[in-house]
Amino acid sequence: MRARTKSHSGSVMLRILIIVFCAYLIYSLGGHFVELNAKNSELADLQMKQAQIEANIAEREKLLSEGTNEEIIEKAARERLGYVFPNETVYMDISGN
């Protein structure tokens, strides 16, 4: 009878170890899925920024190819320095939309 009891306790111990190992694997995979979702979100943000930068580059290339020097200087003065023409009223949207 002792041999059977010893074998039975080894079997129980093996089952407990397998259950603990499976729980660890599930916990580990959950962490990896969370990290994957965060990286996917970061990738989407970077792709959106890339699209904005590419649109900005395309606009500037178009301005350089089609525009005159006066148009380029005027655009730079308005955007970078905030200049306006005399008697011109500029409205700014502060609503954040």
PDB file of N, CA and C in Angstrom:
ATOM      1  N   MET A   1       0.805  -1.193   0.000  1.00  0.00           N
ATOM      2  CA  MET A   1       0.000   0.000   0.000  1.00  0.00           C
ATOM      3  C   MET A   1       0.856   1.269   0.000  1.00  0.00           C
ATOM      4  N   ARG A   2       2.043   1.211   0.570  1.00  0.00           N
ATOM      5  CA  ARG A   2       2.884   2.405   0.634  1.00  0.00           C
ATOM      6  C   ARG A   2       3.317   2.858  -0.759  1.00  0.00           C
ATOM      7  N   ALA A   3       3.630   1.942  -1.626  1.00  0.00           N
ATOM      8  CA  ALA A   3       4.075   2.296  -2.969  1.00  0.00           C
ATOM      9  C   ALA A   3       2.981   3.040  -3.730  1.00  0.00           C
ATOM     10  N   ARG A   4       1.768   2.606  -3.523  1.00  0.00           N
ATOM     11  CA  ARG A   4       0.655   3.250  -4.206  1.00  0.00           C
ATOM     12  C   ARG A   4       0.431   4.657  -3.667  1.00  0.00           C
ATOM     13  N   THR A   5       0.573   4.876  -2.399  1.00  0.00           N
ATOM     14  CA  THR A   5       0.388   6.186  -1.792  1.00  0.00           C
ATOM     15  C   THR A   5       1.485   7.136  -2.245  1.00  0.00           C
ATOM     16  N   LYS A   6       2.696   6.639  -2.328  1.00  0.00           N
ATOM     17  CA  LYS A   6       3.807   7.459  -2.761  1.00  0.00           C
ATOM     18  C   LYS A   6       3.614   7.876  -4.227  1.00  0.00           C
ATOM     19  N   SER A   7       3.179   6.974  -5.049  1.00  0.00           N
ATOM     20  CA  SER A   7       2.923   7.264  -6.450  1.00  0.00           C
ATOM     21  C   SER A   7       1.782   8.259  -6.591  1.00  0.00           C
ATOM     22  N   HIS A   8       0.784   8.108  -5.747  1.00  0.00           N
ATOM     23  CA  HIS A   8      -0.372   9.004  -5.789  1.00  0.00           C
ATOM     24  C   HIS A   8       0.037  10.422  -5.384  1.00  0.00           C
ATOM     25  N   SER A   9       0.885  10.576  -4.382  1.00  0.00           N
ATOM     26  CA  SER A   9       1.295  11.914  -3.951  1.00  0.00           C
ATOM     27  C   SER A   9       2.195  12.554  -5.010  1.00  0.00           C
ATOM     28  N   GLY A  10       2.993  11.768  -5.715  1.00  0.00           N
ATOM     29  CA  GLY A  10       3.813  12.299  -6.811  1.00  0.00           C
ATOM     30  C   GLY A  10       2.936  12.784  -7.944  1.00  0.00           C
ATOM     31  N   SER A  11       1.869  12.083  -8.220  1.00  0.00           N
ATOM     32  CA  SER A  11       0.936  12.469  -9.268  1.00  0.00           C
ATOM     33  C   SER A  11       0.233  13.775  -8.913  1.00  0.00           C
ATOM     34  N   VAL A  12      -0.147  13.934  -7.654  1.00  0.00           N
ATOM     35  CA  VAL A  12      -0.805  15.168  -7.205  1.00  0.00           C
ATOM     36  C   VAL A  12       0.166  16.331  -7.316  1.00  0.00           C
ATOM     37  N   MET A  13       1.416  16.099  -6.923  1.00  0.00           N
ATOM     38  CA  MET A  13       2.431  17.146  -6.999  1.00  0.00           C
ATOM     39  C   MET A  13       2.675  17.563  -8.454  1.00  0.00           C
ATOM     40  N   LEU A  14       2.704  16.604  -9.351  1.00  0.00           N
ATOM     41  CA  LEU A  14       2.886  16.888 -10.769  1.00  0.00           C
ATOM     42  C   LEU A  14       1.720  17.712 -11.306  1.00  0.00           C
ATOM     43  N   ARG A  15       0.518  17.381 -10.918  1.00  0.00           N
ATOM     44  CA  ARG A  15      -0.670  18.141 -11.355  1.00  0.00           C
ATOM     45  C   ARG A  15      -0.615  19.573 -10.845  1.00  0.00           C
ATOM     46  N   ILE A  16      -0.187  19.736  -9.600  1.00  0.00           N
ATOM     47  CA  ILE A  16      -0.090  21.092  -9.033  1.00  0.00           C
ATOM     48  C   ILE A  16       0.957  21.897  -9.803  1.00  0.00           C
ATOM     49  N   LEU A  17       2.089  21.294 -10.104  1.00  0.00           N
ATOM     50  CA  LEU A  17       3.126  21.983 -10.860  1.00  0.00           C
ATOM     51  C   LEU A  17       2.638  22.356 -12.263  1.00  0.00           C
ATOM     52  N   ILE A  18       1.896  21.480 -12.891  1.00  0.00           N
ATOM     53  CA  ILE A  18       1.361  21.770 -14.224  1.00  0.00           C
ATOM     54  C   ILE A  18       0.362  22.918 -14.155  1.00  0.00           C
ATOM     55  N   ILE A  19      -0.489  22.933 -13.156  1.00  0.00           N
ATOM     56  CA  ILE A  19      -1.471  24.013 -12.999  1.00  0.00           C
ATOM     57  C   ILE A  19      -0.771  25.342 -12.750  1.00  0.00           C
ATOM     58  N   VAL A  20       0.252  25.344 -11.896  1.00  0.00           N
ATOM     59  CA  VAL A  20       1.003  26.576 -11.620  1.00  0.00           C
ATOM     60  C   VAL A  20       1.700  27.064 -12.890  1.00  0.00           C
ATOM     61  N   PHE A  21       2.281  26.152 -13.643  1.00  0.00           N
ATOM     62  CA  PHE A  21       2.958  26.517 -14.879  1.00  0.00           C
ATOM     63  C   PHE A  21       1.968  27.094 -15.890  1.00  0.00           C
ATOM     64  N   CYS A  22       0.806  26.502 -16.018  1.00  0.00           N
ATOM     65  CA  CYS A  22      -0.229  27.010 -16.938  1.00  0.00           C
ATOM     66  C   CYS A  22      -0.697  28.398 -16.504  1.00  0.00           C
ATOM     67  N   ALA A  23      -0.871  28.596 -15.211  1.00  0.00           N
ATOM     68  CA  ALA A  23      -1.281  29.914 -14.707  1.00  0.00           C
ATOM     69  C   ALA A  23      -0.214  30.958 -15.037  1.00  0.00           C
ATOM     70  N   TYR A  24       1.051  30.590 -14.877  1.00  0.00           N
ATOM     71  CA  TYR A  24       2.139  31.509 -15.221  1.00  0.00           C
ATOM     72  C   TYR A  24       2.114  31.847 -16.707  1.00  0.00           C
ATOM     73  N   LEU A  25       1.900  30.853 -17.559  1.00  0.00           N
ATOM     74  CA  LEU A  25       1.841  31.097 -18.999  1.00  0.00           C
ATOM     75  C   LEU A  25       0.699  32.031 -19.364  1.00  0.00           C
ATOM     76  N   ILE A  26      -0.456  31.826 -18.760  1.00  0.00           N
ATOM     77  CA  ILE A  26      -1.612  32.678 -19.037  1.00  0.00           C
ATOM     78  C   ILE A  26      -1.332  34.113 -18.590  1.00  0.00           C
ATOM     79  N   TYR A  27      -0.741  34.270 -17.414  1.00  0.00           N
ATOM     80  CA  TYR A  27      -0.403  35.598 -16.895  1.00  0.00           C
ATOM     81  C   TYR A  27       0.624  36.273 -17.817  1.00  0.00           C
ATOM     82  N   SER A  28       1.610  35.522 -18.244  1.00  0.00           N
ATOM     83  CA  SER A  28       2.652  36.052 -19.117  1.00  0.00           C
ATOM     84  C   SER A  28       2.069  36.474 -20.460  1.00  0.00           C
ATOM     85  N   LEU A  29       1.217  35.656 -21.042  1.00  0.00           N
ATOM     86  CA  LEU A  29       0.584  36.000 -22.320  1.00  0.00           C
ATOM     87  C   LEU A  29      -0.294  37.242 -22.189  1.00  0.00           C
ATOM     88  N   GLY A  30      -0.986  37.368 -21.072  1.00  0.00           N
ATOM     89  CA  GLY A  30      -1.811  38.556 -20.854  1.00  0.00           C
ATOM     90  C   GLY A  30      -0.968  39.817 -20.864  1.00  0.00           C
ATOM     91  N   GLY A  31       0.195  39.764 -20.232  1.00  0.00           N
ATOM     92  CA  GLY A  31       1.096  40.910 -20.235  1.00  0.00           C
ATOM     93  C   GLY A  31       1.581  41.247 -21.632  1.00  0.00           C
ATOM     94  N   HIS A  32       1.854  40.229 -22.411  1.00  0.00           N
ATOM     95  CA  HIS A  32       2.300  40.457 -23.784  1.00  0.00           C
ATOM     96  C   HIS A  32       1.187  41.055 -24.641  1.00  0.00           C
ATOM     97  N   PHE A  33      -0.050  40.654 -24.427  1.00  0.00           N
ATOM     98  CA  PHE A  33      -1.163  41.232 -25.178  1.00  0.00           C
ATOM     99  C   PHE A  33      -1.353  42.699 -24.824  1.00  0.00           C
ATOM    100  N   VAL A  34      -1.203  43.046 -23.558  1.00  0.00           N
ATOM    101  CA  VAL A  34      -1.314  44.447 -23.147  1.00  0.00           C
ATOM    102  C   VAL A  34      -0.212  45.267 -23.809  1.00  0.00           C
ATOM    103  N   GLU A  35       0.997  44.752 -23.806  1.00  0.00           N
ATOM    104  CA  GLU A  35       2.120  45.443 -24.434  1.00  0.00           C
ATOM    105  C   GLU A  35       1.903  45.581 -25.946  1.00  0.00           C
ATOM    106  N   LEU A  36       1.371  44.553 -26.567  1.00  0.00           N
ATOM    107  CA  LEU A  36       1.091  44.585 -28.006  1.00  0.00           C
ATOM    108  C   LEU A  36       0.061  45.657 -28.328  1.00  0.00           C
ATOM    109  N   ASN A  37      -0.992  45.764 -27.536  1.00  0.00           N
ATOM    110  CA  ASN A  37      -2.013  46.792 -27.766  1.00  0.00           C
ATOM    111  C   ASN A  37      -1.421  48.184 -27.610  1.00  0.00           C
ATOM    112  N   ALA A  38      -0.557  48.374 -26.624  1.00  0.00           N
ATOM    113  CA  ALA A  38       0.079  49.678 -26.424  1.00  0.00           C
ATOM    114  C   ALA A  38       0.958  50.031 -27.618  1.00  0.00           C
ATOM    115  N   LYS A  39       1.695  49.066 -28.121  1.00  0.00           N
ATOM    116  CA  LYS A  39       2.567  49.313 -29.275  1.00  0.00           C
ATOM    117  C   LYS A  39       1.739  49.588 -30.532  1.00  0.00           C
ATOM    118  N   ASN A  40       0.609  48.916 -30.699  1.00  0.00           N
ATOM    119  CA  ASN A  40      -0.273  49.177 -31.846  1.00  0.00           C
ATOM    120  C   ASN A  40      -0.834  50.594 -31.789  1.00  0.00           C
ATOM    121  N   SER A  41      -1.190  51.036 -30.589  1.00  0.00           N
ATOM    122  CA  SER A  41      -1.689  52.396 -30.416  1.00  0.00           C
ATOM    123  C   SER A  41      -0.596  53.412 -30.734  1.00  0.00           C
ATOM    124  N   GLU A  42       0.610  53.135 -30.263  1.00  0.00           N
ATOM    125  CA  GLU A  42       1.739  54.017 -30.544  1.00  0.00           C
ATOM    126  C   GLU A  42       2.029  54.065 -32.042  1.00  0.00           C
ATOM    127  N   LEU A  43       1.939  52.924 -32.701  1.00  0.00           N
ATOM    128  CA  LEU A  43       2.152  52.864 -34.151  1.00  0.00           C
ATOM    129  C   LEU A  43       1.112  53.699 -34.889  1.00  0.00           C
ATOM    130  N   ALA A  44      -0.143  53.605 -34.477  1.00  0.00           N
ATOM    131  CA  ALA A  44      -1.202  54.386 -35.124  1.00  0.00           C
ATOM    132  C   ALA A  44      -0.947  55.885 -34.957  1.00  0.00           C
ATOM    133  N   ASP A  45      -0.508  56.303 -33.769  1.00  0.00           N
ATOM    134  CA  ASP A  45      -0.194  57.713 -33.544  1.00  0.00           C
ATOM    135  C   ASP A  45       0.955  58.177 -34.435  1.00  0.00           C
ATOM    136  N   LEU A  46       1.988  57.350 -34.536  1.00  0.00           N
ATOM    137  CA  LEU A  46       3.130  57.708 -35.368  1.00  0.00           C
ATOM    138  C   LEU A  46       2.761  57.754 -36.844  1.00  0.00           C
ATOM    139  N   GLN A  47       1.886  56.858 -37.286  1.00  0.00           N
ATOM    140  CA  GLN A  47       1.447  56.881 -38.678  1.00  0.00           C
ATOM    141  C   GLN A  47       0.626  58.129 -38.969  1.00  0.00           C
ATOM    142  N   MET A  48      -0.177  58.568 -37.994  1.00  0.00           N
ATOM    143  CA  MET A  48      -0.960  59.785 -38.175  1.00  0.00           C
ATOM    144  C   MET A  48      -0.029  61.004 -38.264  1.00  0.00           C
ATOM    145  N   LYS A  49       0.992  61.047 -37.405  1.00  0.00           N
ATOM    146  CA  LYS A  49       1.956  62.150 -37.465  1.00  0.00           C
ATOM    147  C   LYS A  49       2.712  62.142 -38.789  1.00  0.00           C
ATOM    148  N   GLN A  50       3.054  60.945 -39.253  1.00  0.00           N
ATOM    149  CA  GLN A  50       3.754  60.834 -40.533  1.00  0.00           C
ATOM    150  C   GLN A  50       2.884  61.367 -41.667  1.00  0.00           C
ATOM    151  N   ALA A  51       1.605  61.044 -41.651  1.00  0.00           N
ATOM    152  CA  ALA A  51       0.691  61.531 -42.692  1.00  0.00           C
ATOM    153  C   ALA A  51       0.592  63.059 -42.652  1.00  0.00           C
ATOM    154  N   GLN A  52       0.554  63.638 -41.455  1.00  0.00           N
ATOM    155  CA  GLN A  52       0.491  65.093 -41.333  1.00  0.00           C
ATOM    156  C   GLN A  52       1.766  65.741 -41.870  1.00  0.00           C
ATOM    157  N   ILE A  53       2.900  65.151 -41.547  1.00  0.00           N
ATOM    158  CA  ILE A  53       4.170  65.702 -42.017  1.00  0.00           C
ATOM    159  C   ILE A  53       4.273  65.584 -43.539  1.00  0.00           C
ATOM    160  N   GLU A  54       3.843  64.450 -44.083  1.00  0.00           N
ATOM    161  CA  GLU A  54       3.882  64.278 -45.540  1.00  0.00           C
ATOM    162  C   GLU A  54       2.957  65.268 -46.237  1.00  0.00           C
ATOM    163  N   ALA A  55       1.790  65.555 -45.644  1.00  0.00           N
ATOM    164  CA  ALA A  55       0.878  66.538 -46.224  1.00  0.00           C
ATOM    165  C   ALA A  55       1.504  67.929 -46.179  1.00  0.00           C
ATOM    166  N   ASN A  56       2.179  68.229 -45.088  1.00  0.00           N
ATOM    167  CA  ASN A  56       2.851  69.522 -44.949  1.00  0.00           C
ATOM    168  C   ASN A  56       3.968  69.657 -45.983  1.00  0.00           C
ATOM    169  N   ILE A  57       4.720  68.594 -46.174  1.00  0.00           N
ATOM    170  CA  ILE A  57       5.799  68.609 -47.174  1.00  0.00           C
ATOM    171  C   ILE A  57       5.217  68.796 -48.570  1.00  0.00           C
ATOM    172  N   ALA A  58       4.142  68.083 -48.876  1.00  0.00           N
ATOM    173  CA  ALA A  58       3.510  68.207 -50.200  1.00  0.00           C
ATOM    174  C   ALA A  58       3.006  69.629 -50.431  1.00  0.00           C
ATOM    175  N   GLU A  59       2.435  70.240 -49.401  1.00  0.00           N
ATOM    176  CA  GLU A  59       1.939  71.611 -49.527  1.00  0.00           C
ATOM    177  C   GLU A  59       3.096  72.575 -49.804  1.00  0.00           C
ATOM    178  N   ARG A  60       4.186  72.379 -49.100  1.00  0.00           N
ATOM    179  CA  ARG A  60       5.337  73.264 -49.303  1.00  0.00           C
ATOM    180  C   ARG A  60       5.986  73.038 -50.667  1.00  0.00           C
ATOM    181  N   GLU A  61       6.047  71.802 -51.107  1.00  0.00           N
ATOM    182  CA  GLU A  61       6.594  71.527 -52.440  1.00  0.00           C
ATOM    183  C   GLU A  61       5.729  72.154 -53.521  1.00  0.00           C
ATOM    184  N   LYS A  62       4.417  72.091 -53.332  1.00  0.00           N
ATOM    185  CA  LYS A  62       3.490  72.708 -54.286  1.00  0.00           C
ATOM    186  C   LYS A  62       3.681  74.217 -54.299  1.00  0.00           C
ATOM    187  N   LEU A  63       3.828  74.802 -53.128  1.00  0.00           N
ATOM    188  CA  LEU A  63       4.031  76.241 -53.032  1.00  0.00           C
ATOM    189  C   LEU A  63       5.338  76.641 -53.709  1.00  0.00           C
ATOM    190  N   LEU A  64       6.374  75.841 -53.502  1.00  0.00           N
ATOM    191  CA  LEU A  64       7.662  76.150 -54.137  1.00  0.00           C
ATOM    192  C   LEU A  64       7.607  76.013 -55.654  1.00  0.00           C
ATOM    193  N   SER A  65       6.889  75.007 -56.133  1.00  0.00           N
ATOM    194  CA  SER A  65       6.849  74.789 -57.585  1.00  0.00           C
ATOM    195  C   SER A  65       5.890  75.737 -58.296  1.00  0.00           C
ATOM    196  N   GLU A  66       4.801  76.105 -57.653  1.00  0.00           N
ATOM    197  CA  GLU A  66       3.780  76.926 -58.313  1.00  0.00           C
ATOM    198  C   GLU A  66       3.803  78.389 -57.875  1.00  0.00           C
ATOM    199  N   GLY A  67       4.260  78.621 -56.671  1.00  0.00           N
ATOM    200  CA  GLY A  67       4.168  79.965 -56.120  1.00  0.00           C
ATOM    201  C   GLY A  67       5.318  80.858 -56.533  1.00  0.00           C
ATOM    202  N   THR A  68       5.093  82.143 -56.332  1.00  0.00           N
ATOM    203  CA  THR A  68       6.134  83.120 -56.596  1.00  0.00           C
ATOM    204  C   THR A  68       6.875  83.392 -55.291  1.00  0.00           C
ATOM    205  N   ASN A  69       7.963  84.111 -55.396  1.00  0.00           N
ATOM    206  CA  ASN A  69       8.731  84.446 -54.201  1.00  0.00           C
ATOM    207  C   ASN A  69       7.899  85.261 -53.217  1.00  0.00           C
ATOM    208  N   GLU A  70       7.057  86.131 -53.736  1.00  0.00           N
ATOM    209  CA  GLU A  70       6.232  86.962 -52.860  1.00  0.00           C
ATOM    210  C   GLU A  70       5.260  86.108 -52.043  1.00  0.00           C
ATOM    211  N   GLU A  71       4.672  85.105 -52.696  1.00  0.00           N
ATOM    212  CA  GLU A  71       3.738  84.220 -51.980  1.00  0.00           C
ATOM    213  C   GLU A  71       4.458  83.422 -50.893  1.00  0.00           C
ATOM    214  N   ILE A  72       5.673  82.979 -51.211  1.00  0.00           N
ATOM    215  CA  ILE A  72       6.436  82.208 -50.231  1.00  0.00           C
ATOM    216  C   ILE A  72       6.806  83.088 -49.043  1.00  0.00           C
ATOM    217  N   ILE A  73       7.246  84.292 -49.314  1.00  0.00           N
ATOM    218  CA  ILE A  73       7.628  85.217 -48.243  1.00  0.00           C
ATOM    219  C   ILE A  73       6.408  85.591 -47.412  1.00  0.00           C
ATOM    220  N   GLU A  74       5.271  85.842 -48.072  1.00  0.00           N
ATOM    221  CA  GLU A  74       4.045  86.197 -47.347  1.00  0.00           C
ATOM    222  C   GLU A  74       3.597  85.058 -46.429  1.00  0.00           C
ATOM    223  N   LYS A  75       3.627  83.851 -46.940  1.00  0.00           N
ATOM    224  CA  LYS A  75       3.218  82.696 -46.129  1.00  0.00           C
ATOM    225  C   LYS A  75       4.138  82.525 -44.924  1.00  0.00           C
ATOM    226  N   ALA A  76       5.437  82.654 -45.135  1.00  0.00           N
ATOM    227  CA  ALA A  76       6.392  82.532 -44.034  1.00  0.00           C
ATOM    228  C   ALA A  76       6.180  83.635 -43.006  1.00  0.00           C
ATOM    229  N   ALA A  77       5.937  84.862 -43.455  1.00  0.00           N
ATOM    230  CA  ALA A  77       5.721  85.973 -42.525  1.00  0.00           C
ATOM    231  C   ALA A  77       4.444  85.779 -41.714  1.00  0.00           C
ATOM    232  N   ARG A  78       3.410  85.257 -42.338  1.00  0.00           N
ATOM    233  CA  ARG A  78       2.158  85.023 -41.617  1.00  0.00           C
ATOM    234  C   ARG A  78       2.303  83.885 -40.602  1.00  0.00           C
ATOM    235  N   GLU A  79       2.896  82.758 -41.038  1.00  0.00           N
ATOM    236  CA  GLU A  79       2.952  81.575 -40.171  1.00  0.00           C
ATOM    237  C   GLU A  79       3.987  81.700 -39.065  1.00  0.00           C
ATOM    238  N   ARG A  80       5.179  82.154 -39.417  1.00  0.00           N
ATOM    239  CA  ARG A  80       6.267  82.165 -38.436  1.00  0.00           C
ATOM    240  C   ARG A  80       6.298  83.412 -37.572  1.00  0.00           C
ATOM    241  N   LEU A  81       5.983  84.574 -38.173  1.00  0.00           N
ATOM    242  CA  LEU A  81       6.127  85.826 -37.449  1.00  0.00           C
ATOM    243  C   LEU A  81       4.802  86.439 -37.027  1.00  0.00           C
ATOM    244  N   GLY A  82       3.710  85.913 -37.567  1.00  0.00           N
ATOM    245  CA  GLY A  82       2.393  86.425 -37.191  1.00  0.00           C
ATOM    246  C   GLY A  82       2.063  87.770 -37.823  1.00  0.00           C
ATOM    247  N   TYR A  83       2.717  88.106 -38.925  1.00  0.00           N
ATOM    248  CA  TYR A  83       2.468  89.380 -39.587  1.00  0.00           C
ATOM    249  C   TYR A  83       1.125  89.355 -40.297  1.00  0.00           C
ATOM    250  N   VAL A  84       0.522  90.553 -40.409  1.00  0.00           N
ATOM    251  CA  VAL A  84      -0.729  90.733 -41.154  1.00  0.00           C
ATOM    252  C   VAL A  84      -0.610  92.018 -41.965  1.00  0.00           C
ATOM    253  N   PHE A  85      -1.484  92.164 -42.941  1.00  0.00           N
ATOM    254  CA  PHE A  85      -1.513  93.393 -43.728  1.00  0.00           C
ATOM    255  C   PHE A  85      -2.173  94.500 -42.913  1.00  0.00           C
ATOM    256  N   PRO A  86      -1.864  95.757 -43.233  1.00  0.00           N
ATOM    257  CA  PRO A  86      -2.532  96.870 -42.542  1.00  0.00           C
ATOM    258  C   PRO A  86      -4.045  96.793 -42.777  1.00  0.00           C
ATOM    259  N   ASN A  87      -4.816  97.143 -41.785  1.00  0.00           N
ATOM    260  CA  ASN A  87      -6.281  97.139 -41.822  1.00  0.00           C
ATOM    261  C   ASN A  87      -6.849  95.742 -42.041  1.00  0.00           C
ATOM    262  N   GLU A  88      -6.080  94.706 -41.761  1.00  0.00           N
ATOM    263  CA  GLU A  88      -6.562  93.328 -41.879  1.00  0.00           C
ATOM    264  C   GLU A  88      -6.908  92.826 -40.485  1.00  0.00           C
ATOM    265  N   THR A  89      -8.048  92.153 -40.371  1.00  0.00           N
ATOM    266  CA  THR A  89      -8.467  91.580 -39.100  1.00  0.00           C
ATOM    267  C   THR A  89      -8.311  90.070 -39.173  1.00  0.00           C
ATOM    268  N   VAL A  90      -7.617  89.509 -38.188  1.00  0.00           N
ATOM    269  CA  VAL A  90      -7.381  88.084 -38.144  1.00  0.00           C
ATOM    270  C   VAL A  90      -8.178  87.517 -36.973  1.00  0.00           C
ATOM    271  N   TYR A  91      -8.976  86.498 -37.253  1.00  0.00           N
ATOM    272  CA  TYR A  91      -9.759  85.826 -36.227  1.00  0.00           C
ATOM    273  C   TYR A  91      -9.116  84.493 -35.912  1.00  0.00           C
ATOM    274  N   MET A  92      -8.969  84.214 -34.629  1.00  0.00           N
ATOM    275  CA  MET A  92      -8.372  82.945 -34.206  1.00  0.00           C
ATOM    276  C   MET A  92      -9.415  82.106 -33.507  1.00  0.00           C
ATOM    277  N   ASP A  93      -9.459  80.857 -33.859  1.00  0.00           N
ATOM    278  CA  ASP A  93     -10.385  79.902 -33.240  1.00  0.00           C
ATOM    279  C   ASP A  93      -9.748  79.371 -31.975  1.00  0.00           C
ATOM    280  N   ILE A  94     -10.287  79.730 -30.817  1.00  0.00           N
ATOM    281  CA  ILE A  94      -9.730  79.269 -29.545  1.00  0.00           C
ATOM    282  C   ILE A  94     -10.572  78.175 -28.908  1.00  0.00           C
ATOM    283  N   SER A  95     -11.547  77.673 -29.653  1.00  0.00           N
ATOM    284  CA  SER A  95     -12.418  76.643 -29.108  1.00  0.00           C
ATOM    285  C   SER A  95     -11.734  75.293 -29.018  1.00  0.00           C
ATOM    286  N   GLY A  96     -10.650  75.109 -29.769  1.00  0.00           N
ATOM    287  CA  GLY A  96      -9.913  73.850 -29.733  1.00  0.00           C
ATOM    288  C   GLY A  96     -10.474  72.785 -30.663  1.00  0.00           C
ATOM    289  N   ASN A  97     -11.430  73.133 -31.483  1.00  0.00           N
ATOM    290  CA  ASN A  97     -12.009  72.162 -32.430  1.00  0.00           C
ATOM    291  C   ASN A  97     -11.277  72.172 -33.717  1.00  0.00           C
TER     292      ASN A  97
END
